[in-house]
Amino acid sequence: MTVGARYFAARVELESSKAQLEAARQAIGVFYDPRQNAEHAADLQRSHRLREEMVSLMHRAGAWSRAASGADEHERSAAEAEPEE
């Protein structure tokens, strides 16, 4: 799975998880601390992991983009430096 595809899959999963967690939060009040809400602790931890994964994927995509942009710039500079025949 590509970085972009995984990012969007994680985003869809996170949105679904957030909706479920919000519905549960409205039913019980204090909620977002997994230590105080054992019933939903796994869901809360999963949503945190998904957010972290999405940030990591965006950083990776940005690094790849910068590397590709740098390679393109290097190729253009090399092509401009070559003498015409």
PDB file of N, CA and C in Angstrom:
ATOM      1  N   MET A   1       0.859  -1.176   0.000  1.00  0.00           N
ATOM      2  CA  MET A   1       0.000   0.000   0.000  1.00  0.00           C
ATOM      3  C   MET A   1       0.902   1.234   0.000  1.00  0.00           C
ATOM      4  N   THR A   2       0.562   2.184  -0.828  1.00  0.00           N
ATOM      5  CA  THR A   2       1.369   3.402  -0.907  1.00  0.00           C
ATOM      6  C   THR A   2       1.172   4.247   0.351  1.00  0.00           C
ATOM      7  N   VAL A   3       2.073   5.177   0.540  1.00  0.00           N
ATOM      8  CA  VAL A   3       1.981   6.068   1.698  1.00  0.00           C
ATOM      9  C   VAL A   3       0.667   6.841   1.657  1.00  0.00           C
ATOM     10  N   GLY A   4       0.327   7.372   0.492  1.00  0.00           N
ATOM     11  CA  GLY A   4      -0.913   8.140   0.367  1.00  0.00           C
ATOM     12  C   GLY A   4      -2.134   7.300   0.647  1.00  0.00           C
ATOM     13  N   ALA A   5      -2.164   6.089   0.103  1.00  0.00           N
ATOM     14  CA  ALA A   5      -3.312   5.200   0.321  1.00  0.00           C
ATOM     15  C   ALA A   5      -3.432   4.840   1.798  1.00  0.00           C
ATOM     16  N   ARG A   6      -2.297   4.560   2.450  1.00  0.00           N
ATOM     17  CA  ARG A   6      -2.346   4.217   3.885  1.00  0.00           C
ATOM     18  C   ARG A   6      -2.788   5.417   4.704  1.00  0.00           C
ATOM     19  N   TYR A   7      -2.318   6.606   4.337  1.00  0.00           N
ATOM     20  CA  TYR A   7      -2.717   7.816   5.062  1.00  0.00           C
ATOM     21  C   TYR A   7      -4.231   7.976   5.013  1.00  0.00           C
ATOM     22  N   PHE A   8      -4.816   7.853   3.819  1.00  0.00           N
ATOM     23  CA  PHE A   8      -6.257   8.052   3.699  1.00  0.00           C
ATOM     24  C   PHE A   8      -7.046   6.922   4.351  1.00  0.00           C
ATOM     25  N   ALA A   9      -6.511   5.713   4.331  1.00  0.00           N
ATOM     26  CA  ALA A   9      -7.172   4.605   5.030  1.00  0.00           C
ATOM     27  C   ALA A   9      -7.153   4.856   6.543  1.00  0.00           C
ATOM     28  N   ALA A  10      -6.016   5.331   7.055  1.00  0.00           N
ATOM     29  CA  ALA A  10      -5.916   5.646   8.478  1.00  0.00           C
ATOM     30  C   ALA A  10      -6.857   6.790   8.827  1.00  0.00           C
ATOM     31  N   ARG A  11      -6.970   7.760   7.943  1.00  0.00           N
ATOM     32  CA  ARG A  11      -7.857   8.899   8.199  1.00  0.00           C
ATOM     33  C   ARG A  11      -9.317   8.453   8.291  1.00  0.00           C
ATOM     34  N   VAL A  12      -9.737   7.571   7.382  1.00  0.00           N
ATOM     35  CA  VAL A  12     -11.112   7.064   7.416  1.00  0.00           C
ATOM     36  C   VAL A  12     -11.347   6.282   8.704  1.00  0.00           C
ATOM     37  N   GLU A  13     -10.377   5.435   9.060  1.00  0.00           N
ATOM     38  CA  GLU A  13     -10.509   4.651  10.292  1.00  0.00           C
ATOM     39  C   GLU A  13     -10.554   5.552  11.515  1.00  0.00           C
ATOM     40  N   LEU A  14      -9.724   6.582  11.526  1.00  0.00           N
ATOM     41  CA  LEU A  14      -9.702   7.518  12.651  1.00  0.00           C
ATOM     42  C   LEU A  14     -11.022   8.268  12.765  1.00  0.00           C
ATOM     43  N   GLU A  15     -11.562   8.724  11.669  1.00  0.00           N
ATOM     44  CA  GLU A  15     -12.840   9.444  11.706  1.00  0.00           C
ATOM     45  C   GLU A  15     -13.954   8.555  12.249  1.00  0.00           C
ATOM     46  N   SER A  16     -13.964   7.305  11.837  1.00  0.00           N
ATOM     47  CA  SER A  16     -14.964   6.359  12.337  1.00  0.00           C
ATOM     48  C   SER A  16     -14.788   6.146  13.835  1.00  0.00           C
ATOM     49  N   SER A  17     -13.544   5.967  14.242  1.00  0.00           N
ATOM     50  CA  SER A  17     -13.244   5.764  15.661  1.00  0.00           C
ATOM     51  C   SER A  17     -13.634   6.992  16.479  1.00  0.00           C
ATOM     52  N   LYS A  18     -13.332   8.181  15.960  1.00  0.00           N
ATOM     53  CA  LYS A  18     -13.677   9.412  16.675  1.00  0.00           C
ATOM     54  C   LYS A  18     -15.188   9.542  16.851  1.00  0.00           C
ATOM     55  N   ALA A  19     -15.940   9.180  15.833  1.00  0.00           N
ATOM     56  CA  ALA A  19     -17.398   9.268  15.930  1.00  0.00           C
ATOM     57  C   ALA A  19     -17.926   8.320  17.001  1.00  0.00           C
ATOM     58  N   GLN A  20     -17.402   7.108  17.031  1.00  0.00           N
ATOM     59  CA  GLN A  20     -17.830   6.147  18.047  1.00  0.00           C
ATOM     60  C   GLN A  20     -17.439   6.608  19.447  1.00  0.00           C
ATOM     61  N   LEU A  21     -16.215   7.100  19.577  1.00  0.00           N
ATOM     62  CA  LEU A  21     -15.746   7.571  20.882  1.00  0.00           C
ATOM     63  C   LEU A  21     -16.532   8.797  21.348  1.00  0.00           C
ATOM     64  N   GLU A  22     -16.855   9.681  20.432  1.00  0.00           N
ATOM     65  CA  GLU A  22     -17.625  10.871  20.807  1.00  0.00           C
ATOM     66  C   GLU A  22     -19.021  10.490  21.281  1.00  0.00           C
ATOM     67  N   ALA A  23     -19.638   9.542  20.628  1.00  0.00           N
ATOM     68  CA  ALA A  23     -20.962   9.084  21.068  1.00  0.00           C
ATOM     69  C   ALA A  23     -20.881   8.493  22.476  1.00  0.00           C
ATOM     70  N   ALA A  24     -19.835   7.716  22.730  1.00  0.00           N
ATOM     71  CA  ALA A  24     -19.659   7.135  24.065  1.00  0.00           C
ATOM     72  C   ALA A  24     -19.343   8.222  25.083  1.00  0.00           C
ATOM     73  N   ARG A  25     -18.538   9.209  24.708  1.00  0.00           N
ATOM     74  CA  ARG A  25     -18.180  10.296  25.630  1.00  0.00           C
ATOM     75  C   ARG A  25     -19.414  11.067  26.070  1.00  0.00           C
ATOM     76  N   GLN A  26     -20.291  11.334  25.126  1.00  0.00           N
ATOM     77  CA  GLN A  26     -21.504  12.076  25.456  1.00  0.00           C
ATOM     78  C   GLN A  26     -22.371  11.305  26.440  1.00  0.00           C
ATOM     79  N   ALA A  27     -22.266   9.995  26.403  1.00  0.00           N
ATOM     80  CA  ALA A  27     -23.072   9.178  27.303  1.00  0.00           C
ATOM     81  C   ALA A  27     -22.515   9.130  28.719  1.00  0.00           C
ATOM     82  N   ILE A  28     -21.178   9.336  28.887  1.00  0.00           N
ATOM     83  CA  ILE A  28     -20.612   9.139  30.228  1.00  0.00           C
ATOM     84  C   ILE A  28     -19.854  10.318  30.808  1.00  0.00           C
ATOM     85  N   GLY A  29     -19.586  11.367  30.067  1.00  0.00           N
ATOM     86  CA  GLY A  29     -18.889  12.529  30.637  1.00  0.00           C
ATOM     87  C   GLY A  29     -17.380  12.418  30.510  1.00  0.00           C
ATOM     88  N   VAL A  30     -16.623  12.319  31.637  1.00  0.00           N
ATOM     89  CA  VAL A  30     -15.157  12.241  31.619  1.00  0.00           C
ATOM     90  C   VAL A  30     -14.766  11.026  30.797  1.00  0.00           C
ATOM     91  N   PHE A  31     -13.886  11.234  29.831  1.00  0.00           N
ATOM     92  CA  PHE A  31     -13.738  10.150  28.885  1.00  0.00           C
ATOM     93  C   PHE A  31     -12.342   9.957  28.314  1.00  0.00           C
ATOM     94  N   TYR A  32     -11.690  11.005  27.880  1.00  0.00           N
ATOM     95  CA  TYR A  32     -10.523  10.861  27.025  1.00  0.00           C
ATOM     96  C   TYR A  32      -9.241  10.412  27.717  1.00  0.00           C
ATOM     97  N   ASP A  33      -9.292  10.068  28.975  1.00  0.00           N
ATOM     98  CA  ASP A  33      -8.136   9.518  29.665  1.00  0.00           C
ATOM     99  C   ASP A  33      -8.319   8.013  29.781  1.00  0.00           C
ATOM    100  N   PRO A  34      -7.518   7.217  29.046  1.00  0.00           N
ATOM    101  CA  PRO A  34      -7.703   5.765  29.067  1.00  0.00           C
ATOM    102  C   PRO A  34      -7.563   5.152  30.463  1.00  0.00           C
ATOM    103  N   ARG A  35      -6.831   5.825  31.360  1.00  0.00           N
ATOM    104  CA  ARG A  35      -6.683   5.296  32.718  1.00  0.00           C
ATOM    105  C   ARG A  35      -7.977   5.411  33.506  1.00  0.00           C
ATOM    106  N   GLN A  36      -8.828   6.372  33.130  1.00  0.00           N
ATOM    107  CA  GLN A  36     -10.092   6.565  33.837  1.00  0.00           C
ATOM    108  C   GLN A  36     -11.268   5.931  33.108  1.00  0.00           C
ATOM    109  N   ASN A  37     -11.026   5.390  31.937  1.00  0.00           N
ATOM    110  CA  ASN A  37     -12.107   4.819  31.162  1.00  0.00           C
ATOM    111  C   ASN A  37     -11.637   3.506  30.550  1.00  0.00           C
ATOM    112  N   ALA A  38     -11.564   2.473  31.379  1.00  0.00           N
ATOM    113  CA  ALA A  38     -11.039   1.178  30.954  1.00  0.00           C
ATOM    114  C   ALA A  38     -11.871   0.553  29.843  1.00  0.00           C
ATOM    115  N   GLU A  39     -13.158   0.802  29.835  1.00  0.00           N
ATOM    116  CA  GLU A  39     -14.032   0.191  28.839  1.00  0.00           C
ATOM    117  C   GLU A  39     -13.656   0.604  27.412  1.00  0.00           C
ATOM    118  N   HIS A  40     -13.206   1.839  27.252  1.00  0.00           N
ATOM    119  CA  HIS A  40     -12.872   2.350  25.920  1.00  0.00           C
ATOM    120  C   HIS A  40     -11.377   2.629  25.754  1.00  0.00           C
ATOM    121  N   ALA A  41     -10.566   2.134  26.675  1.00  0.00           N
ATOM    122  CA  ALA A  41      -9.128   2.425  26.639  1.00  0.00           C
ATOM    123  C   ALA A  41      -8.480   1.963  25.338  1.00  0.00           C
ATOM    124  N   ALA A  42      -8.820   0.779  24.869  1.00  0.00           N
ATOM    125  CA  ALA A  42      -8.208   0.269  23.628  1.00  0.00           C
ATOM    126  C   ALA A  42      -8.573   1.155  22.439  1.00  0.00           C
ATOM    127  N   ASP A  43      -9.822   1.616  22.390  1.00  0.00           N
ATOM    128  CA  ASP A  43     -10.241   2.502  21.299  1.00  0.00           C
ATOM    129  C   ASP A  43      -9.517   3.838  21.363  1.00  0.00           C
ATOM    130  N   LEU A  44      -9.355   4.354  22.573  1.00  0.00           N
ATOM    131  CA  LEU A  44      -8.639   5.623  22.741  1.00  0.00           C
ATOM    132  C   LEU A  44      -7.180   5.479  22.316  1.00  0.00           C
ATOM    133  N   GLN A  45      -6.557   4.401  22.739  1.00  0.00           N
ATOM    134  CA  GLN A  45      -5.162   4.187  22.374  1.00  0.00           C
ATOM    135  C   GLN A  45      -5.025   3.986  20.868  1.00  0.00           C
ATOM    136  N   ARG A  46      -5.965   3.293  20.258  1.00  0.00           N
ATOM    137  CA  ARG A  46      -5.944   3.084  18.806  1.00  0.00           C
ATOM    138  C   ARG A  46      -6.054   4.433  18.083  1.00  0.00           C
ATOM    139  N   SER A  47      -6.922   5.305  18.556  1.00  0.00           N
ATOM    140  CA  SER A  47      -7.063   6.602  17.888  1.00  0.00           C
ATOM    141  C   SER A  47      -5.774   7.418  18.011  1.00  0.00           C
ATOM    142  N   HIS A  48      -5.096   7.323  19.156  1.00  0.00           N
ATOM    143  CA  HIS A  48      -3.813   8.027  19.318  1.00  0.00           C
ATOM    144  C   HIS A  48      -2.767   7.451  18.360  1.00  0.00           C
ATOM    145  N   ARG A  49      -2.724   6.116  18.239  1.00  0.00           N
ATOM    146  CA  ARG A  49      -1.764   5.493  17.321  1.00  0.00           C
ATOM    147  C   ARG A  49      -2.051   5.889  15.876  1.00  0.00           C
ATOM    148  N   LEU A  50      -3.322   5.958  15.507  1.00  0.00           N
ATOM    149  CA  LEU A  50      -3.673   6.360  14.143  1.00  0.00           C
ATOM    150  C   LEU A  50      -3.222   7.791  13.861  1.00  0.00           C
ATOM    151  N   ARG A  51      -3.425   8.683  14.823  1.00  0.00           N
ATOM    152  CA  ARG A  51      -2.968  10.071  14.639  1.00  0.00           C
ATOM    153  C   ARG A  51      -1.453  10.117  14.450  1.00  0.00           C
ATOM    154  N   GLU A  52      -0.738   9.365  15.294  1.00  0.00           N
ATOM    155  CA  GLU A  52       0.722   9.336  15.189  1.00  0.00           C
ATOM    156  C   GLU A  52       1.161   8.759  13.839  1.00  0.00           C
ATOM    157  N   GLU A  53       0.476   7.702  13.391  1.00  0.00           N
ATOM    158  CA  GLU A  53       0.805   7.108  12.098  1.00  0.00           C
ATOM    159  C   GLU A  53       0.570   8.097  10.966  1.00  0.00           C
ATOM    160  N   MET A  54      -0.526   8.838  11.038  1.00  0.00           N
ATOM    161  CA  MET A  54      -0.826   9.817   9.995  1.00  0.00           C
ATOM    162  C   MET A  54       0.250  10.906   9.947  1.00  0.00           C
ATOM    163  N   VAL A  55       0.706  11.366  11.101  1.00  0.00           N
ATOM    164  CA  VAL A  55       1.774  12.377  11.144  1.00  0.00           C
ATOM    165  C   VAL A  55       3.048  11.799  10.535  1.00  0.00           C
ATOM    166  N   SER A  56       3.387  10.569  10.896  1.00  0.00           N
ATOM    167  CA  SER A  56       4.577   9.920  10.362  1.00  0.00           C
ATOM    168  C   SER A  56       4.485   9.770   8.843  1.00  0.00           C
ATOM    169  N   LEU A  57       3.324   9.365   8.348  1.00  0.00           N
ATOM    170  CA  LEU A  57       3.139   9.207   6.909  1.00  0.00           C
ATOM    171  C   LEU A  57       3.273  10.537   6.184  1.00  0.00           C
ATOM    172  N   MET A  58       2.747  11.598   6.767  1.00  0.00           N
ATOM    173  CA  MET A  58       2.875  12.915   6.143  1.00  0.00           C
ATOM    174  C   MET A  58       4.329  13.366   6.121  1.00  0.00           C
ATOM    175  N   HIS A  59       5.076  13.086   7.190  1.00  0.00           N
ATOM    176  CA  HIS A  59       6.497  13.438   7.211  1.00  0.00           C
ATOM    177  C   HIS A  59       7.252  12.652   6.139  1.00  0.00           C
ATOM    178  N   ARG A  60       6.931  11.363   6.015  1.00  0.00           N
ATOM    179  CA  ARG A  60       7.593  10.529   5.021  1.00  0.00           C
ATOM    180  C   ARG A  60       7.279  11.016   3.609  1.00  0.00           C
ATOM    181  N   ALA A  61       6.029  11.326   3.353  1.00  0.00           N
ATOM    182  CA  ALA A  61       5.640  11.820   2.028  1.00  0.00           C
ATOM    183  C   ALA A  61       6.331  13.148   1.729  1.00  0.00           C
ATOM    184  N   GLY A  62       6.426  14.005   2.734  1.00  0.00           N
ATOM    185  CA  GLY A  62       7.116  15.283   2.550  1.00  0.00           C
ATOM    186  C   GLY A  62       8.586  15.097   2.249  1.00  0.00           C
ATOM    187  N   ALA A  63       9.234  14.158   2.940  1.00  0.00           N
ATOM    188  CA  ALA A  63      10.652  13.887   2.693  1.00  0.00           C
ATOM    189  C   ALA A  63      10.852  13.351   1.290  1.00  0.00           C
ATOM    190  N   TRP A  64       9.989  12.448   0.861  1.00  0.00           N
ATOM    191  CA  TRP A  64      10.092  11.912  -0.496  1.00  0.00           C
ATOM    192  C   TRP A  64       9.886  13.020  -1.528  1.00  0.00           C
ATOM    193  N   SER A  65       8.945  13.885  -1.256  1.00  0.00           N
ATOM    194  CA  SER A  65       8.673  14.983  -2.181  1.00  0.00           C
ATOM    195  C   SER A  65       9.876  15.915  -2.281  1.00  0.00           C
ATOM    196  N   ARG A  66      10.457  16.244  -1.145  1.00  0.00           N
ATOM    197  CA  ARG A  66      11.633  17.119  -1.149  1.00  0.00           C
ATOM    198  C   ARG A  66      12.805  16.452  -1.872  1.00  0.00           C
ATOM    199  N   ALA A  67      12.979  15.150  -1.655  1.00  0.00           N
ATOM    200  CA  ALA A  67      14.066  14.422  -2.314  1.00  0.00           C
ATOM    201  C   ALA A  67      13.842  14.398  -3.827  1.00  0.00           C
ATOM    202  N   ALA A  68      12.614  14.151  -4.244  1.00  0.00           N
ATOM    203  CA  ALA A  68      12.307  14.132  -5.678  1.00  0.00           C
ATOM    204  C   ALA A  68      12.496  15.512  -6.283  1.00  0.00           C
ATOM    205  N   SER A  69      12.084  16.534  -5.566  1.00  0.00           N
ATOM    206  CA  SER A  69      12.239  17.899  -6.045  1.00  0.00           C
ATOM    207  C   SER A  69      13.717  18.255  -6.171  1.00  0.00           C
ATOM    208  N   GLY A  70      14.509  17.833  -5.198  1.00  0.00           N
ATOM    209  CA  GLY A  70      15.950  18.081  -5.247  1.00  0.00           C
ATOM    210  C   GLY A  70      16.604  17.354  -6.409  1.00  0.00           C
ATOM    211  N   ALA A  71      16.171  16.107  -6.674  1.00  0.00           N
ATOM    212  CA  ALA A  71      16.716  15.345  -7.799  1.00  0.00           C
ATOM    213  C   ALA A  71      16.343  16.009  -9.113  1.00  0.00           C
ATOM    214  N   ASP A  72      15.118  16.494  -9.232  1.00  0.00           N
ATOM    215  CA  ASP A  72      14.693  17.197 -10.446  1.00  0.00           C
ATOM    216  C   ASP A  72      15.532  18.452 -10.668  1.00  0.00           C
ATOM    217  N   GLU A  73      15.764  19.192  -9.601  1.00  0.00           N
ATOM    218  CA  GLU A  73      16.559  20.418  -9.690  1.00  0.00           C
ATOM    219  C   GLU A  73      17.983  20.092 -10.111  1.00  0.00           C
ATOM    220  N   HIS A  74      18.533  19.010  -9.549  1.00  0.00           N
ATOM    221  CA  HIS A  74      19.889  18.592  -9.905  1.00  0.00           C
ATOM    222  C   HIS A  74      19.964  18.224 -11.383  1.00  0.00           C
ATOM    223  N   GLU A  75      18.970  17.499 -11.886  1.00  0.00           N
ATOM    224  CA  GLU A  75      18.947  17.109 -13.301  1.00  0.00           C
ATOM    225  C   GLU A  75      18.825  18.336 -14.203  1.00  0.00           C
ATOM    226  N   ARG A  76      18.003  19.306 -13.822  1.00  0.00           N
ATOM    227  CA  ARG A  76      17.863  20.524 -14.622  1.00  0.00           C
ATOM    228  C   ARG A  76      19.184  21.297 -14.648  1.00  0.00           C
ATOM    229  N   SER A  77      19.836  21.390 -13.506  1.00  0.00           N
ATOM    230  CA  SER A  77      21.115  22.110 -13.439  1.00  0.00           C
ATOM    231  C   SER A  77      22.162  21.420 -14.300  1.00  0.00           C
ATOM    232  N   ALA A  78      22.185  20.085 -14.254  1.00  0.00           N
ATOM    233  CA  ALA A  78      23.153  19.334 -15.048  1.00  0.00           C
ATOM    234  C   ALA A  78      22.870  19.507 -16.537  1.00  0.00           C
ATOM    235  N   ALA A  79      21.606  19.502 -16.907  1.00  0.00           N
ATOM    236  CA  ALA A  79      21.228  19.673 -18.326  1.00  0.00           C
ATOM    237  C   ALA A  79      21.586  21.068 -18.811  1.00  0.00           C
ATOM    238  N   GLU A  80      21.418  22.062 -17.977  1.00  0.00           N
ATOM    239  CA  GLU A  80      21.758  23.441 -18.364  1.00  0.00           C
ATOM    240  C   GLU A  80      23.260  23.637 -18.490  1.00  0.00           C
ATOM    241  N   ALA A  81      24.033  22.872 -17.715  1.00  0.00           N
ATOM    242  CA  ALA A  81      25.483  23.013 -17.729  1.00  0.00           C
ATOM    243  C   ALA A  81      26.124  22.327 -18.925  1.00  0.00           C
ATOM    244  N   GLU A  82      25.436  21.369 -19.559  1.00  0.00           N
ATOM    245  CA  GLU A  82      25.995  20.650 -20.704  1.00  0.00           C
ATOM    246  C   GLU A  82      26.046  21.592 -21.924  1.00  0.00           C
ATOM    247  N   PRO A  83      27.170  21.562 -22.621  1.00  0.00           N
ATOM    248  CA  PRO A  83      27.266  22.413 -23.828  1.00  0.00           C
ATOM    249  C   PRO A  83      26.399  21.854 -24.948  1.00  0.00           C
ATOM    250  N   GLU A  84      25.833  22.755 -25.741  1.00  0.00           N
ATOM    251  CA  GLU A  84      25.020  22.328 -26.870  1.00  0.00           C
ATOM    252  C   GLU A  84      25.918  21.962 -28.032  1.00  0.00           C
ATOM    253  N   GLU A  85      25.504  20.972 -28.814  1.00  0.00           N
ATOM    254  CA  GLU A  85      26.319  20.544 -29.965  1.00  0.00           C
ATOM    255  C   GLU A  85      25.798  21.103 -31.239  1.00  0.00           C
TER     256      GLU A  85
END
